[in-house]
Amino acid sequence: MKTAVCPDCGSDVNVGSQPRVGKQVVCDSCGAELEVVWLDPIELDYPMMDFDDYEELSEDER
């Protein structure tokens, strides 16, 4: 299994044996929902929010 570093807590996150850009993963240490954004080296970031998700947020969350 391959791993990448969680941008939230710095822990190693399992991304499977054949990660692909766009794959969604969750950090076991902090629970952050992440997305594979680069493959060489494997890099994780927070998923992009689409417009429908943004509209559902309250004013405080925006």
PDB file of N, CA and C in Angstrom:
ATOM      1  N   MET A   1       0.833  -1.182   0.000  1.00  0.00           N
ATOM      2  CA  MET A   1       0.000   0.000   0.000  1.00  0.00           C
ATOM      3  C   MET A   1       0.884   1.256   0.000  1.00  0.00           C
ATOM      4  N   LYS A   2       0.426   2.252  -0.740  1.00  0.00           N
ATOM      5  CA  LYS A   2       1.152   3.516  -0.795  1.00  0.00           C
ATOM      6  C   LYS A   2       0.516   4.490   0.198  1.00  0.00           C
ATOM      7  N   THR A   3       1.329   5.427   0.650  1.00  0.00           N
ATOM      8  CA  THR A   3       0.849   6.423   1.603  1.00  0.00           C
ATOM      9  C   THR A   3       1.227   7.824   1.149  1.00  0.00           C
ATOM     10  N   ALA A   4       0.540   8.795   1.718  1.00  0.00           N
ATOM     11  CA  ALA A   4       0.840  10.205   1.505  1.00  0.00           C
ATOM     12  C   ALA A   4       0.640  10.908   2.845  1.00  0.00           C
ATOM     13  N   VAL A   5       1.144  12.106   2.954  1.00  0.00           N
ATOM     14  CA  VAL A   5       1.077  12.855   4.207  1.00  0.00           C
ATOM     15  C   VAL A   5      -0.217  13.664   4.269  1.00  0.00           C
ATOM     16  N   CYS A   6      -0.914  13.565   5.397  1.00  0.00           N
ATOM     17  CA  CYS A   6      -2.123  14.348   5.629  1.00  0.00           C
ATOM     18  C   CYS A   6      -1.739  15.817   5.803  1.00  0.00           C
ATOM     19  N   PRO A   7      -2.341  16.728   5.023  1.00  0.00           N
ATOM     20  CA  PRO A   7      -2.011  18.146   5.168  1.00  0.00           C
ATOM     21  C   PRO A   7      -2.553  18.754   6.462  1.00  0.00           C
ATOM     22  N   ASP A   8      -3.449  18.044   7.136  1.00  0.00           N
ATOM     23  CA  ASP A   8      -4.047  18.564   8.365  1.00  0.00           C
ATOM     24  C   ASP A   8      -3.214  18.219   9.595  1.00  0.00           C
ATOM     25  N   CYS A   9      -2.837  16.922   9.726  1.00  0.00           N
ATOM     26  CA  CYS A   9      -2.142  16.502  10.952  1.00  0.00           C
ATOM     27  C   CYS A   9      -0.735  15.944  10.723  1.00  0.00           C
ATOM     28  N   GLY A  10      -0.350  15.719   9.463  1.00  0.00           N
ATOM     29  CA  GLY A  10       0.994  15.233   9.169  1.00  0.00           C
ATOM     30  C   GLY A  10       1.160  13.723   9.239  1.00  0.00           C
ATOM     31  N   SER A  11       0.088  12.992   9.519  1.00  0.00           N
ATOM     32  CA  SER A  11       0.161  11.528   9.581  1.00  0.00           C
ATOM     33  C   SER A  11       0.186  10.922   8.183  1.00  0.00           C
ATOM     34  N   ASP A  12       0.678   9.696   8.089  1.00  0.00           N
ATOM     35  CA  ASP A  12       0.635   8.964   6.827  1.00  0.00           C
ATOM     36  C   ASP A  12      -0.781   8.459   6.585  1.00  0.00           C
ATOM     37  N   VAL A  13      -1.261   8.634   5.354  1.00  0.00           N
ATOM     38  CA  VAL A  13      -2.601   8.209   4.961  1.00  0.00           C
ATOM     39  C   VAL A  13      -2.473   7.163   3.873  1.00  0.00           C
ATOM     40  N   ASN A  14      -3.133   6.037   4.039  1.00  0.00           N
ATOM     41  CA  ASN A  14      -3.121   4.972   3.049  1.00  0.00           C
ATOM     42  C   ASN A  14      -3.950   5.410   1.838  1.00  0.00           C
ATOM     43  N   VAL A  15      -3.345   5.358   0.645  1.00  0.00           N
ATOM     44  CA  VAL A  15      -4.055   5.743  -0.581  1.00  0.00           C
ATOM     45  C   VAL A  15      -4.250   4.556  -1.515  1.00  0.00           C
ATOM     46  N   GLY A  16      -3.995   3.330  -1.019  1.00  0.00           N
ATOM     47  CA  GLY A  16      -4.181   2.129  -1.836  1.00  0.00           C
ATOM     48  C   GLY A  16      -2.943   1.798  -2.640  1.00  0.00           C
ATOM     49  N   SER A  17      -3.020   0.718  -3.370  1.00  0.00           N
ATOM     50  CA  SER A  17      -1.854   0.271  -4.138  1.00  0.00           C
ATOM     51  C   SER A  17      -1.736   0.970  -5.490  1.00  0.00           C
ATOM     52  N   GLN A  18      -2.844   1.481  -6.017  1.00  0.00           N
ATOM     53  CA  GLN A  18      -2.823   2.190  -7.298  1.00  0.00           C
ATOM     54  C   GLN A  18      -3.637   3.480  -7.194  1.00  0.00           C
ATOM     55  N   PRO A  19      -3.092   4.481  -6.499  1.00  0.00           N
ATOM     56  CA  PRO A  19      -3.842   5.733  -6.342  1.00  0.00           C
ATOM     57  C   PRO A  19      -4.019   6.436  -7.685  1.00  0.00           C
ATOM     58  N   ARG A  20      -5.070   7.234  -7.778  1.00  0.00           N
ATOM     59  CA  ARG A  20      -5.316   8.026  -8.978  1.00  0.00           C
ATOM     60  C   ARG A  20      -5.744   9.425  -8.553  1.00  0.00           C
ATOM     61  N   VAL A  21      -5.497  10.390  -9.396  1.00  0.00           N
ATOM     62  CA  VAL A  21      -5.906  11.762  -9.095  1.00  0.00           C
ATOM     63  C   VAL A  21      -7.425  11.781  -8.955  1.00  0.00           C
ATOM     64  N   GLY A  22      -7.900  12.404  -7.899  1.00  0.00           N
ATOM     65  CA  GLY A  22      -9.327  12.506  -7.636  1.00  0.00           C
ATOM     66  C   GLY A  22      -9.840  11.489  -6.640  1.00  0.00           C
ATOM     67  N   LYS A  23      -9.012  10.494  -6.294  1.00  0.00           N
ATOM     68  CA  LYS A  23      -9.445   9.487  -5.330  1.00  0.00           C
ATOM     69  C   LYS A  23      -9.655  10.142  -3.979  1.00  0.00           C
ATOM     70  N   GLN A  24     -10.767   9.831  -3.329  1.00  0.00           N
ATOM     71  CA  GLN A  24     -11.100  10.380  -2.022  1.00  0.00           C
ATOM     72  C   GLN A  24     -10.629   9.411  -0.941  1.00  0.00           C
ATOM     73  N   VAL A  25      -9.970   9.942   0.083  1.00  0.00           N
ATOM     74  CA  VAL A  25      -9.494   9.137   1.210  1.00  0.00           C
ATOM     75  C   VAL A  25      -9.785   9.892   2.504  1.00  0.00           C
ATOM     76  N   VAL A  26      -9.752   9.173   3.624  1.00  0.00           N
ATOM     77  CA  VAL A  26      -9.958   9.780   4.940  1.00  0.00           C
ATOM     78  C   VAL A  26      -8.744   9.464   5.802  1.00  0.00           C
ATOM     79  N   CYS A  27      -8.226  10.470   6.481  1.00  0.00           N
ATOM     80  CA  CYS A  27      -7.107  10.282   7.392  1.00  0.00           C
ATOM     81  C   CYS A  27      -7.610   9.557   8.636  1.00  0.00           C
ATOM     82  N   ASP A  28      -7.003   8.412   8.963  1.00  0.00           N
ATOM     83  CA  ASP A  28      -7.400   7.656  10.148  1.00  0.00           C
ATOM     84  C   ASP A  28      -7.073   8.401  11.445  1.00  0.00           C
ATOM     85  N   SER A  29      -6.070   9.264  11.415  1.00  0.00           N
ATOM     86  CA  SER A  29      -5.648   9.961  12.627  1.00  0.00           C
ATOM     87  C   SER A  29      -6.549  11.124  13.012  1.00  0.00           C
ATOM     88  N   CYS A  30      -6.915  11.957  12.030  1.00  0.00           N
ATOM     89  CA  CYS A  30      -7.690  13.161  12.362  1.00  0.00           C
ATOM     90  C   CYS A  30      -9.064  13.205  11.718  1.00  0.00           C
ATOM     91  N   GLY A  31      -9.349  12.274  10.800  1.00  0.00           N
ATOM     92  CA  GLY A  31     -10.659  12.230  10.169  1.00  0.00           C
ATOM     93  C   GLY A  31     -10.840  13.185   9.002  1.00  0.00           C
ATOM     94  N   ALA A  32      -9.777  13.854   8.574  1.00  0.00           N
ATOM     95  CA  ALA A  32      -9.890  14.790   7.455  1.00  0.00           C
ATOM     96  C   ALA A  32     -10.262  14.047   6.175  1.00  0.00           C
ATOM     97  N   GLU A  33     -11.220  14.605   5.423  1.00  0.00           N
ATOM     98  CA  GLU A  33     -11.590  14.063   4.122  1.00  0.00           C
ATOM     99  C   GLU A  33     -10.677  14.705   3.090  1.00  0.00           C
ATOM    100  N   LEU A  34      -9.934  13.870   2.359  1.00  0.00           N
ATOM    101  CA  LEU A  34      -8.894  14.358   1.465  1.00  0.00           C
ATOM    102  C   LEU A  34      -9.047  13.770   0.074  1.00  0.00           C
ATOM    103  N   GLU A  35      -8.305  14.342  -0.861  1.00  0.00           N
ATOM    104  CA  GLU A  35      -8.332  13.906  -2.250  1.00  0.00           C
ATOM    105  C   GLU A  35      -6.906  13.851  -2.781  1.00  0.00           C
ATOM    106  N   VAL A  36      -6.601  12.825  -3.568  1.00  0.00           N
ATOM    107  CA  VAL A  36      -5.293  12.742  -4.223  1.00  0.00           C
ATOM    108  C   VAL A  36      -5.269  13.802  -5.323  1.00  0.00           C
ATOM    109  N   VAL A  37      -4.278  14.717  -5.261  1.00  0.00           N
ATOM    110  CA  VAL A  37      -4.187  15.796  -6.243  1.00  0.00           C
ATOM    111  C   VAL A  37      -2.939  15.702  -7.115  1.00  0.00           C
ATOM    112  N   TRP A  38      -2.003  14.841  -6.745  1.00  0.00           N
ATOM    113  CA  TRP A  38      -0.767  14.684  -7.501  1.00  0.00           C
ATOM    114  C   TRP A  38      -0.250  13.275  -7.253  1.00  0.00           C
ATOM    115  N   LEU A  39       0.430  12.686  -8.263  1.00  0.00           N
ATOM    116  CA  LEU A  39       0.868  11.301  -8.126  1.00  0.00           C
ATOM    117  C   LEU A  39       2.359  11.102  -7.920  1.00  0.00           C
ATOM    118  N   ASP A  40       3.203  12.044  -8.320  1.00  0.00           N
ATOM    119  CA  ASP A  40       4.637  11.814  -8.212  1.00  0.00           C
ATOM    120  C   ASP A  40       5.348  13.056  -7.700  1.00  0.00           C
ATOM    121  N   PRO A  41       5.497  13.210  -6.396  1.00  0.00           N
ATOM    122  CA  PRO A  41       5.101  12.292  -5.323  1.00  0.00           C
ATOM    123  C   PRO A  41       3.602  12.418  -5.046  1.00  0.00           C
ATOM    124  N   ILE A  42       3.056  11.424  -4.366  1.00  0.00           N
ATOM    125  CA  ILE A  42       1.634  11.430  -4.051  1.00  0.00           C
ATOM    126  C   ILE A  42       1.360  12.565  -3.076  1.00  0.00           C
ATOM    127  N   GLU A  43       0.390  13.402  -3.435  1.00  0.00           N
ATOM    128  CA  GLU A  43       0.064  14.564  -2.617  1.00  0.00           C
ATOM    129  C   GLU A  43      -1.441  14.605  -2.366  1.00  0.00           C
ATOM    130  N   LEU A  44      -1.808  14.931  -1.146  1.00  0.00           N
ATOM    131  CA  LEU A  44      -3.210  15.043  -0.757  1.00  0.00           C
ATOM    132  C   LEU A  44      -3.561  16.487  -0.464  1.00  0.00           C
ATOM    133  N   ASP A  45      -4.819  16.828  -0.712  1.00  0.00           N
ATOM    134  CA  ASP A  45      -5.329  18.153  -0.367  1.00  0.00           C
ATOM    135  C   ASP A  45      -6.814  17.994  -0.057  1.00  0.00           C
ATOM    136  N   TYR A  46      -7.422  19.064   0.391  1.00  0.00           N
ATOM    137  CA  TYR A  46      -8.845  19.039   0.680  1.00  0.00           C
ATOM    138  C   TYR A  46      -9.607  19.046  -0.641  1.00  0.00           C
ATOM    139  N   PRO A  47     -10.680  18.270  -0.753  1.00  0.00           N
ATOM    140  CA  PRO A  47     -11.433  18.225  -2.019  1.00  0.00           C
ATOM    141  C   PRO A  47     -12.022  19.591  -2.361  1.00  0.00           C
ATOM    142  N   MET A  48     -12.112  19.843  -3.654  1.00  0.00           N
ATOM    143  CA  MET A  48     -12.752  21.070  -4.118  1.00  0.00           C
ATOM    144  C   MET A  48     -14.243  20.958  -3.863  1.00  0.00           C
ATOM    145  N   MET A  49     -14.853  22.038  -3.418  1.00  0.00           N
ATOM    146  CA  MET A  49     -16.285  22.060  -3.149  1.00  0.00           C
ATOM    147  C   MET A  49     -16.998  22.533  -4.419  1.00  0.00           C
ATOM    148  N   ASP A  50     -18.040  21.806  -4.819  1.00  0.00           N
ATOM    149  CA  ASP A  50     -18.779  22.277  -5.990  1.00  0.00           C
ATOM    150  C   ASP A  50     -19.843  23.293  -5.555  1.00  0.00           C
ATOM    151  N   PHE A  51     -20.460  23.941  -6.513  1.00  0.00           N
ATOM    152  CA  PHE A  51     -21.384  25.042  -6.229  1.00  0.00           C
ATOM    153  C   PHE A  51     -22.561  24.590  -5.371  1.00  0.00           C
ATOM    154  N   ASP A  52     -23.101  23.391  -5.614  1.00  0.00           N
ATOM    155  CA  ASP A  52     -24.238  22.896  -4.833  1.00  0.00           C
ATOM    156  C   ASP A  52     -23.872  22.746  -3.366  1.00  0.00           C
ATOM    157  N   ASP A  53     -22.656  22.245  -3.088  1.00  0.00           N
ATOM    158  CA  ASP A  53     -22.211  22.115  -1.701  1.00  0.00           C
ATOM    159  C   ASP A  53     -22.088  23.483  -1.044  1.00  0.00           C
ATOM    160  N   TYR A  54     -21.570  24.461  -1.795  1.00  0.00           N
ATOM    161  CA  TYR A  54     -21.376  25.802  -1.260  1.00  0.00           C
ATOM    162  C   TYR A  54     -22.710  26.426  -0.862  1.00  0.00           C
ATOM    163  N   GLU A  55     -23.743  26.240  -1.688  1.00  0.00           N
ATOM    164  CA  GLU A  55     -25.040  26.829  -1.397  1.00  0.00           C
ATOM    165  C   GLU A  55     -25.661  26.267  -0.127  1.00  0.00           C
ATOM    166  N   GLU A  56     -25.316  25.019   0.237  1.00  0.00           N
ATOM    167  CA  GLU A  56     -25.881  24.386   1.421  1.00  0.00           C
ATOM    168  C   GLU A  56     -25.227  24.866   2.718  1.00  0.00           C
ATOM    169  N   LEU A  57     -24.082  25.533   2.635  1.00  0.00           N
ATOM    170  CA  LEU A  57     -23.397  26.021   3.826  1.00  0.00           C
ATOM    171  C   LEU A  57     -24.129  27.232   4.399  1.00  0.00           C
ATOM    172  N   SER A  58     -24.095  27.361   5.704  1.00  0.00           N
ATOM    173  CA  SER A  58     -24.658  28.558   6.340  1.00  0.00           C
ATOM    174  C   SER A  58     -23.685  29.717   6.123  1.00  0.00           C
ATOM    175  N   GLU A  59     -24.130  30.902   6.405  1.00  0.00           N
ATOM    176  CA  GLU A  59     -23.271  32.092   6.249  1.00  0.00           C
ATOM    177  C   GLU A  59     -22.007  31.968   7.094  1.00  0.00           C
ATOM    178  N   ASP A  60     -22.104  31.393   8.289  1.00  0.00           N
ATOM    179  CA  ASP A  60     -20.956  31.240   9.174  1.00  0.00           C
ATOM    180  C   ASP A  60     -19.924  30.264   8.607  1.00  0.00           C
ATOM    181  N   GLU A  61     -20.372  29.242   7.887  1.00  0.00           N
ATOM    182  CA  GLU A  61     -19.461  28.237   7.344  1.00  0.00           C
ATOM    183  C   GLU A  61     -18.765  28.719   6.080  1.00  0.00           C
ATOM    184  N   ARG A  62     -19.317  29.706   5.407  1.00  0.00           N
ATOM    185  CA  ARG A  62     -18.706  30.223   4.183  1.00  0.00           C
ATOM    186  C   ARG A  62     -17.526  31.055   4.565  1.00  0.00           C
TER     187      ARG A  62
END
